[in-house]
Protein backbone atom coordinates (compact mmCIF):
# COMPACT_ATOMS: atom_id res chain seq x y z
CA MET A 1 -27.62 -19.09 4.43
CA GLY A 2 -29.21 -15.84 3.34
CA MET A 3 -31.10 -14.94 0.22
CA HIS A 4 -27.96 -14.49 -1.92
CA GLN A 5 -26.36 -17.90 -1.53
CA ILE A 6 -24.03 -18.72 -4.44
CA ASP A 7 -22.13 -21.87 -5.39
CA ASN A 8 -19.49 -20.38 -7.69
CA CYS A 9 -17.14 -17.44 -7.40
CA ILE A 10 -18.44 -14.37 -9.23
CA PHE A 11 -14.94 -13.54 -10.48
CA THR A 12 -13.45 -16.93 -11.39
CA GLY A 13 -16.38 -19.32 -11.76
CA LEU A 14 -14.66 -21.72 -9.34
CA PRO A 15 -16.58 -23.55 -6.58
CA VAL A 16 -16.71 -21.61 -3.31
CA GLN A 17 -17.17 -22.24 0.40
CA PRO A 18 -19.68 -19.68 1.74
CA ILE A 19 -18.88 -18.62 5.29
CA MET A 20 -21.33 -15.74 5.81
CA ASP A 21 -24.32 -14.48 3.89
CA SER A 22 -26.83 -11.73 4.61
CA ILE A 23 -28.96 -9.16 2.83
CA ASP A 24 -26.04 -6.73 2.92
CA CYS A 25 -23.01 -8.86 2.09
CA ILE A 26 -21.50 -12.28 1.52
CA ASP A 27 -18.10 -13.71 2.44
CA TYR A 28 -16.80 -16.83 0.75
CA ILE A 29 -13.55 -18.76 0.31
CA VAL A 30 -11.95 -19.66 -3.03
CA ASP A 31 -9.41 -22.49 -2.88
CA ILE A 32 -6.95 -22.13 -5.74
CA LYS A 33 -3.48 -23.63 -6.17
CA ASN A 34 -3.38 -24.71 -2.51
CA LYS A 35 -4.11 -21.20 -1.25
CA ARG A 36 -7.34 -19.90 0.24
CA HIS A 37 -8.60 -16.46 -0.77
CA LEU A 38 -11.31 -14.60 1.13
CA ILE A 39 -13.79 -12.73 -1.07
CA ARG A 40 -15.95 -10.07 0.64
CA LEU A 41 -18.79 -8.56 -1.36
CA PRO A 42 -21.31 -5.88 -0.40
CA TRP A 43 -24.35 -6.83 -2.48
CA SER A 44 -25.47 -3.23 -2.81
CA ALA A 45 -22.26 -2.40 -4.72
CA PHE A 46 -23.22 -4.43 -7.80
CA ASN A 47 -25.84 -3.94 -10.44
CA TRP A 48 -26.03 -7.58 -11.53
CA GLU A 49 -27.62 -7.03 -14.93
CA LYS A 50 -25.19 -4.27 -15.82
CA ASP A 51 -22.07 -5.78 -14.22
CA ASN A 52 -22.50 -9.34 -15.45
CA GLU A 53 -20.79 -8.49 -18.76
CA PHE A 54 -17.85 -6.99 -16.84
CA PHE A 55 -17.41 -10.22 -14.85
CA ARG A 56 -17.77 -12.40 -17.94
CA LYS A 57 -15.21 -10.38 -19.88
CA ASN A 58 -12.60 -10.42 -17.09
CA LYS A 59 -13.25 -13.82 -15.47
CA ARG A 60 -10.08 -15.36 -16.89
CA ILE A 61 -7.90 -12.46 -15.73
CA PHE A 62 -9.42 -12.49 -12.24
CA LYS A 63 -8.73 -16.22 -11.98
CA GLN A 64 -5.14 -15.77 -13.14
CA LEU A 65 -4.56 -12.86 -10.76
CA LEU A 66 -5.67 -15.12 -7.91
CA ILE A 67 -3.54 -18.04 -9.13
CA ASN A 68 -0.48 -15.80 -9.30
CA ASP A 69 -1.10 -14.21 -5.88
CA ASN A 70 -1.61 -10.87 -7.60
CA TRP A 71 -4.83 -9.97 -5.81
CA PHE A 72 -5.87 -7.29 -3.31
CA GLU A 73 -3.40 -6.53 -0.53
CA ASN A 74 -6.11 -6.64 2.12
CA GLU A 75 -8.62 -9.40 1.40
CA LYS A 76 -10.74 -8.40 4.39
CA GLU A 77 -11.89 -5.22 2.65
CA PHE A 78 -15.13 -5.24 0.67
CA ILE A 79 -14.75 -5.51 -3.11
CA ASP A 80 -16.83 -3.40 -5.46
CA ILE A 81 -16.77 -2.59 -9.18
CA GLU A 82 -14.56 0.48 -8.82
CA LYS A 83 -11.97 -1.45 -6.81
CA LEU A 84 -11.98 -4.20 -9.41
CA LYS A 85 -11.38 -1.67 -12.19
CA VAL A 86 -8.45 -0.21 -10.25
CA LEU A 87 -7.10 -3.72 -9.68
CA LEU A 88 -7.13 -4.47 -13.41
CA LYS A 89 -5.49 -1.14 -14.17
CA GLU A 90 -2.74 -1.19 -11.53
CA LYS A 91 -1.72 -4.83 -11.21
CA GLU A 92 1.26 -5.88 -13.29
CA PHE A 93 0.72 -8.74 -15.71
CA PRO A 94 1.63 -9.29 -19.39
CA ARG A 95 -0.79 -7.34 -21.56
CA THR A 96 0.99 -6.90 -24.92
CA PRO A 97 2.34 -9.62 -27.24
CA LYS A 98 5.90 -8.45 -26.47
CA GLN A 99 5.33 -8.70 -22.71
CA LYS A 100 3.79 -12.18 -23.05
CA LEU A 101 6.64 -13.44 -25.21
CA GLU A 102 9.32 -12.11 -22.85
CA LYS A 103 7.53 -13.41 -19.77
CA LEU A 104 7.12 -16.86 -21.34
CA PHE A 105 10.77 -17.01 -22.34
CA LEU A 106 11.95 -16.10 -18.84
CA GLU A 107 9.63 -18.73 -17.34
CA LEU A 108 10.97 -21.40 -19.73
CA SER A 109 14.54 -20.41 -18.87
CA LYS A 110 13.98 -21.24 -15.18
CA PHE A 111 13.67 -24.99 -15.67
CA PRO A 112 16.86 -26.29 -17.38
CA LYS A 113 19.35 -27.46 -14.75
CA GLN A 114 22.30 -26.60 -16.97
CA ASP A 115 22.96 -24.87 -20.29
CA GLY A 116 21.65 -26.97 -23.16
CA ALA A 117 19.59 -29.30 -20.94
CA LYS A 118 16.24 -30.47 -22.34
CA VAL A 119 13.01 -29.98 -20.41
CA ASN A 120 9.68 -31.80 -20.78
CA LEU A 121 7.31 -29.10 -21.98
CA LEU A 122 4.13 -31.18 -21.84
CA GLU A 123 4.21 -31.17 -18.04
CA LEU A 124 4.42 -27.37 -17.95
CA LYS A 125 1.79 -26.32 -20.48
CA GLU A 126 -1.26 -25.96 -18.25
CA SER A 127 0.59 -23.93 -15.61
CA LEU A 128 2.24 -21.72 -18.23
CA VAL A 129 -1.11 -20.59 -19.67
CA ASP A 130 -2.10 -19.09 -16.31
CA LYS A 131 1.39 -17.91 -15.38
CA ILE A 132 1.70 -15.87 -18.58
CA TYR A 133 -1.97 -14.74 -18.51
CA LEU A 134 -2.73 -16.42 -21.84
CA LYS A 135 -6.18 -17.37 -23.12
CA SER A 136 -5.53 -20.97 -24.17
CA ILE A 137 -3.05 -23.73 -25.03
CA ASP A 138 -3.33 -22.62 -28.67
CA GLU A 139 -2.11 -19.15 -27.73
CA LEU A 140 0.75 -20.75 -25.78
CA HIS A 141 1.70 -22.77 -28.89
CA PHE A 142 1.75 -19.55 -30.92
CA TYR A 143 4.26 -17.92 -28.57
CA ILE A 144 6.39 -21.06 -28.30
CA GLY A 145 6.49 -21.19 -32.10
CA THR A 146 7.59 -17.54 -32.15
CA LEU A 147 10.46 -18.30 -29.73
CA VAL A 148 11.51 -21.14 -32.05
CA GLN A 149 11.37 -18.82 -35.08
CA GLU A 150 13.54 -16.31 -33.22
CA LYS A 151 16.01 -19.17 -32.48
CA LEU A 152 15.78 -18.50 -28.73
CA ILE A 153 14.65 -22.07 -28.00
CA MET A 154 14.68 -25.35 -29.91
CA THR A 155 11.91 -27.94 -29.56
CA THR A 156 11.23 -31.58 -30.35
CA SER A 157 7.92 -33.39 -30.89
CA THR A 158 6.78 -36.97 -30.31
CA GLN A 159 3.84 -39.10 -31.50
CA GLY A 160 2.38 -36.17 -33.38
CA LYS A 161 2.37 -33.93 -30.30
CA PRO A 162 4.02 -30.54 -30.94
CA PHE A 163 6.62 -29.10 -28.62
CA PHE A 164 7.36 -32.19 -26.52
CA GLU A 165 10.75 -31.00 -25.22
CA TYR A 166 12.72 -27.78 -25.46
CA TYR A 167 16.13 -26.36 -24.66
CA ILE A 168 17.45 -22.80 -24.55
CA THR A 169 19.83 -21.98 -27.41
CA TYR A 170 23.05 -20.00 -27.03
CA ALA A 171 21.27 -16.96 -28.49
CA GLY A 172 18.54 -17.56 -25.92
CA LEU A 173 21.03 -17.63 -23.04
CA GLU A 174 22.40 -14.27 -24.17
CA TYR A 175 18.86 -12.90 -24.56
CA LYS A 176 17.99 -14.03 -21.02
CA ILE A 177 20.87 -12.01 -19.60
CA LYS A 178 19.73 -8.95 -21.55
CA LEU A 179 16.13 -9.24 -20.32
CA GLU A 180 17.15 -9.73 -16.69
CA GLU A 181 19.45 -6.71 -16.79
CA GLU A 182 17.11 -4.25 -18.43
CA GLY A 183 14.11 -2.51 -16.95
CA GLU A 184 10.67 -4.07 -16.82
CA LEU A 185 11.71 -7.70 -16.43
CA SER A 186 14.90 -7.14 -14.45
CA ASN A 187 15.31 -8.28 -10.86
CA LYS A 188 16.99 -5.02 -9.82
CA CYS A 189 15.66 -2.20 -7.65
CA PHE A 190 17.22 1.26 -7.48
CA ILE A 191 17.45 2.64 -3.94
CA ALA A 192 17.29 6.44 -3.71
CA MET A 193 18.16 7.70 -0.24
CA SER A 194 20.32 10.06 1.78
CA PHE A 195 23.84 8.72 2.30
CA LYS A 196 24.40 9.77 5.89
CA GLU A 197 25.86 7.91 8.84
CA GLU A 198 22.40 8.05 10.46
CA THR A 199 20.81 6.13 7.57
CA LYS A 200 22.95 2.98 7.80
CA GLU A 201 20.16 1.00 9.51
CA ILE A 202 17.66 2.26 6.93
CA ARG A 203 19.94 1.14 4.10
CA THR A 204 20.34 -2.31 5.67
CA ALA A 205 16.57 -2.69 6.17
CA ILE A 206 15.81 -1.78 2.54
CA LYS A 207 18.48 -4.13 1.21
CA GLU A 208 17.24 -6.99 3.40
CA ALA A 209 13.65 -6.49 2.23
CA LEU A 210 14.78 -6.64 -1.39
CA LEU A 211 16.97 -9.70 -0.94
CA LYS A 212 14.20 -11.55 0.92
CA THR A 213 11.78 -10.85 -1.94
CA GLY A 214 14.23 -11.94 -4.64
CA PHE A 215 15.44 -8.55 -5.89
CA GLU A 216 18.94 -7.14 -6.25
CA PRO A 217 19.45 -3.77 -4.53
CA VAL A 218 21.24 -1.09 -6.57
CA ILE A 219 22.76 1.79 -4.57
CA ILE A 220 24.83 4.28 -6.51
CA ASP A 221 27.50 4.86 -3.86
CA GLU A 222 28.24 1.13 -3.86
CA LYS A 223 28.94 1.10 -7.62
CA ASN A 224 32.36 1.41 -9.22
CA ILE A 225 32.01 4.36 -11.58
CA ASP A 226 34.27 4.56 -14.63
CA SER A 227 36.47 7.66 -14.73
CA ASP A 228 34.92 8.82 -18.01
CA LYS A 229 31.36 8.80 -16.59
CA THR A 230 29.66 11.41 -14.44
CA ILE A 231 27.66 10.43 -11.37
CA ASN A 232 24.47 11.55 -13.14
CA ASP A 233 25.26 9.32 -16.13
CA GLU A 234 25.69 6.37 -13.78
CA ILE A 235 22.46 7.13 -11.90
CA ILE A 236 20.42 7.34 -15.11
CA ALA A 237 22.02 4.22 -16.60
CA ASN A 238 21.29 2.18 -13.48
CA LEU A 239 17.75 3.50 -13.12
CA LYS A 240 17.02 2.38 -16.68
CA LYS A 241 18.14 -1.16 -15.81
CA CYS A 242 15.93 -1.44 -12.71
CA LYS A 243 12.39 -2.77 -12.49
CA PHE A 244 11.34 -0.30 -9.79
CA CYS A 245 12.66 2.23 -7.31
CA ILE A 246 12.50 2.64 -3.54
CA ALA A 247 12.78 6.31 -2.54
CA ASP A 248 13.43 7.03 1.13
CA TYR A 249 12.88 10.71 1.92
CA THR A 250 14.42 10.68 5.39
CA PHE A 251 16.65 13.82 5.55
CA HIS A 252 15.15 14.91 2.19
CA SER A 253 18.19 14.70 -0.03
CA ASN A 254 17.67 16.58 -3.31
CA GLY A 255 19.05 13.56 -5.15
CA VAL A 256 16.16 11.41 -3.93
CA TYR A 257 13.65 13.79 -5.48
CA PHE A 258 15.56 13.73 -8.78
CA GLU A 259 16.02 9.95 -8.88
CA SER A 260 12.42 9.08 -7.95
CA GLY A 261 11.15 11.65 -10.46
CA PHE A 262 13.31 10.16 -13.22
CA ALA A 263 12.01 6.68 -12.34
CA LEU A 264 8.42 7.91 -12.67
CA GLY A 265 9.31 9.48 -16.01
CA GLN A 266 10.47 6.02 -17.14
CA ARG A 267 7.06 4.64 -16.04
CA LYS A 268 8.63 2.62 -13.27
CA LYS A 269 6.88 1.97 -9.98
CA VAL A 270 8.22 3.90 -7.00
CA ILE A 271 7.77 2.87 -3.37
CA TYR A 272 8.00 5.95 -1.14
CA THR A 273 9.27 5.62 2.43
CA CYS A 274 10.13 8.08 5.19
CA ARG A 275 10.98 7.89 8.88
CA ALA A 276 8.03 9.16 10.94
CA ASP A 277 9.86 12.06 12.59
CA GLU A 278 11.09 13.32 9.21
CA PHE A 279 7.85 13.19 7.22
CA LYS A 280 6.71 16.61 8.47
CA ASN A 281 9.61 18.13 6.49
CA ALA A 282 8.63 16.49 3.20
CA HIS A 283 8.07 18.76 0.21
CA PHE A 284 4.37 19.45 -0.41
CA ASP A 285 4.58 17.77 -3.85
CA ILE A 286 5.24 14.33 -2.36
CA ARG A 287 3.12 14.47 0.79
CA PRO A 288 -0.07 13.30 -0.99
CA LEU A 289 1.73 10.19 -2.30
CA GLN A 290 1.25 6.96 -0.40
CA HIS A 291 4.27 6.47 1.86
CA ILE A 292 5.49 3.74 4.15
CA ILE A 293 5.91 5.78 7.35
CA TYR A 294 8.05 3.89 9.86
CA LYS A 295 9.52 4.40 13.31
CA THR A 296 12.10 1.58 13.29
CA SER A 297 14.21 -0.14 10.66
CA LYS A 298 12.56 -3.46 11.56
CA GLN A 299 9.15 -1.99 10.79
CA LEU A 300 10.49 -0.60 7.51
CA GLU A 301 11.84 -3.99 6.44
CA LYS A 302 8.57 -5.77 7.27
CA ASP A 303 6.35 -3.17 5.57
CA LEU A 304 8.58 -3.11 2.48
CA ILE A 305 8.43 -6.89 2.13
CA ASN A 306 4.62 -6.76 2.25
CA LYS A 307 4.49 -3.90 -0.27
CA ILE A 308 6.89 -5.56 -2.71
CA GLU A 309 5.07 -8.90 -2.50
CA ALA A 310 1.71 -7.24 -3.13
CA TRP A 311 2.59 -4.51 -5.63
CA ILE A 312 5.77 -5.46 -7.48
CA LYS A 313 6.01 -9.23 -7.77
């Protein structure tokens, strides 16, 4: 081992398995929730006196990002302070009280096997703290109490222990449907693309990638549009209900530019894709954006799955 041998992860405080150490860098493994994460650090990238406060302040978040598989897409790249700041800024996790409450409620709603069924909450508490990015069990109790006050769940206690069991109320079941159908917490993705015969394989690849990652694809030409609604009304209404958008610029349909722009205006994430032979025709405004450039539909499906798993989920 070199001069910088460490026993605990700089980010999480968890025990590590060093695998390489030198004057320039160190690689080590963090085992967390039955998954191994590779951490690669260039020592010259850190000012330890200055950066120690940054690590201390964000240690809990780093640990929870790792637990929830919400880490860097490429773990073989070196990590430095600037990359860590970008990670904290760009990764999705509950930050506001509203986001924490909604995320907790949706997590709790996953466990009952039927409407009205009771679930043992004591067995879930530890995992929920990290899943919802909370600071402590006390904070979890606060949000559970809020859900009870809002009559979205009902709880029981036993032997002086609060919140022993819970069940989702009728109002909660209705609220769950609303959350899953609207925006940030929905499981829907709007697909903006050219509707040509030549794009059938592209459409299939995008839909397969979404289904395999647990999302529902929304394509406007597959929707039944009421006679009193315009196509633009339907596009906007469906975009508002989606968590994110996939915009494929192959054949450069004007509608794709409009729909992806509207999604950005709603602060939704947009994944940009384009077939390799078509990218040269892209408008200069979108060329600087990071695209998935593909040659085959199989490549598109694979790359989309990786992007969704790393950036959306």
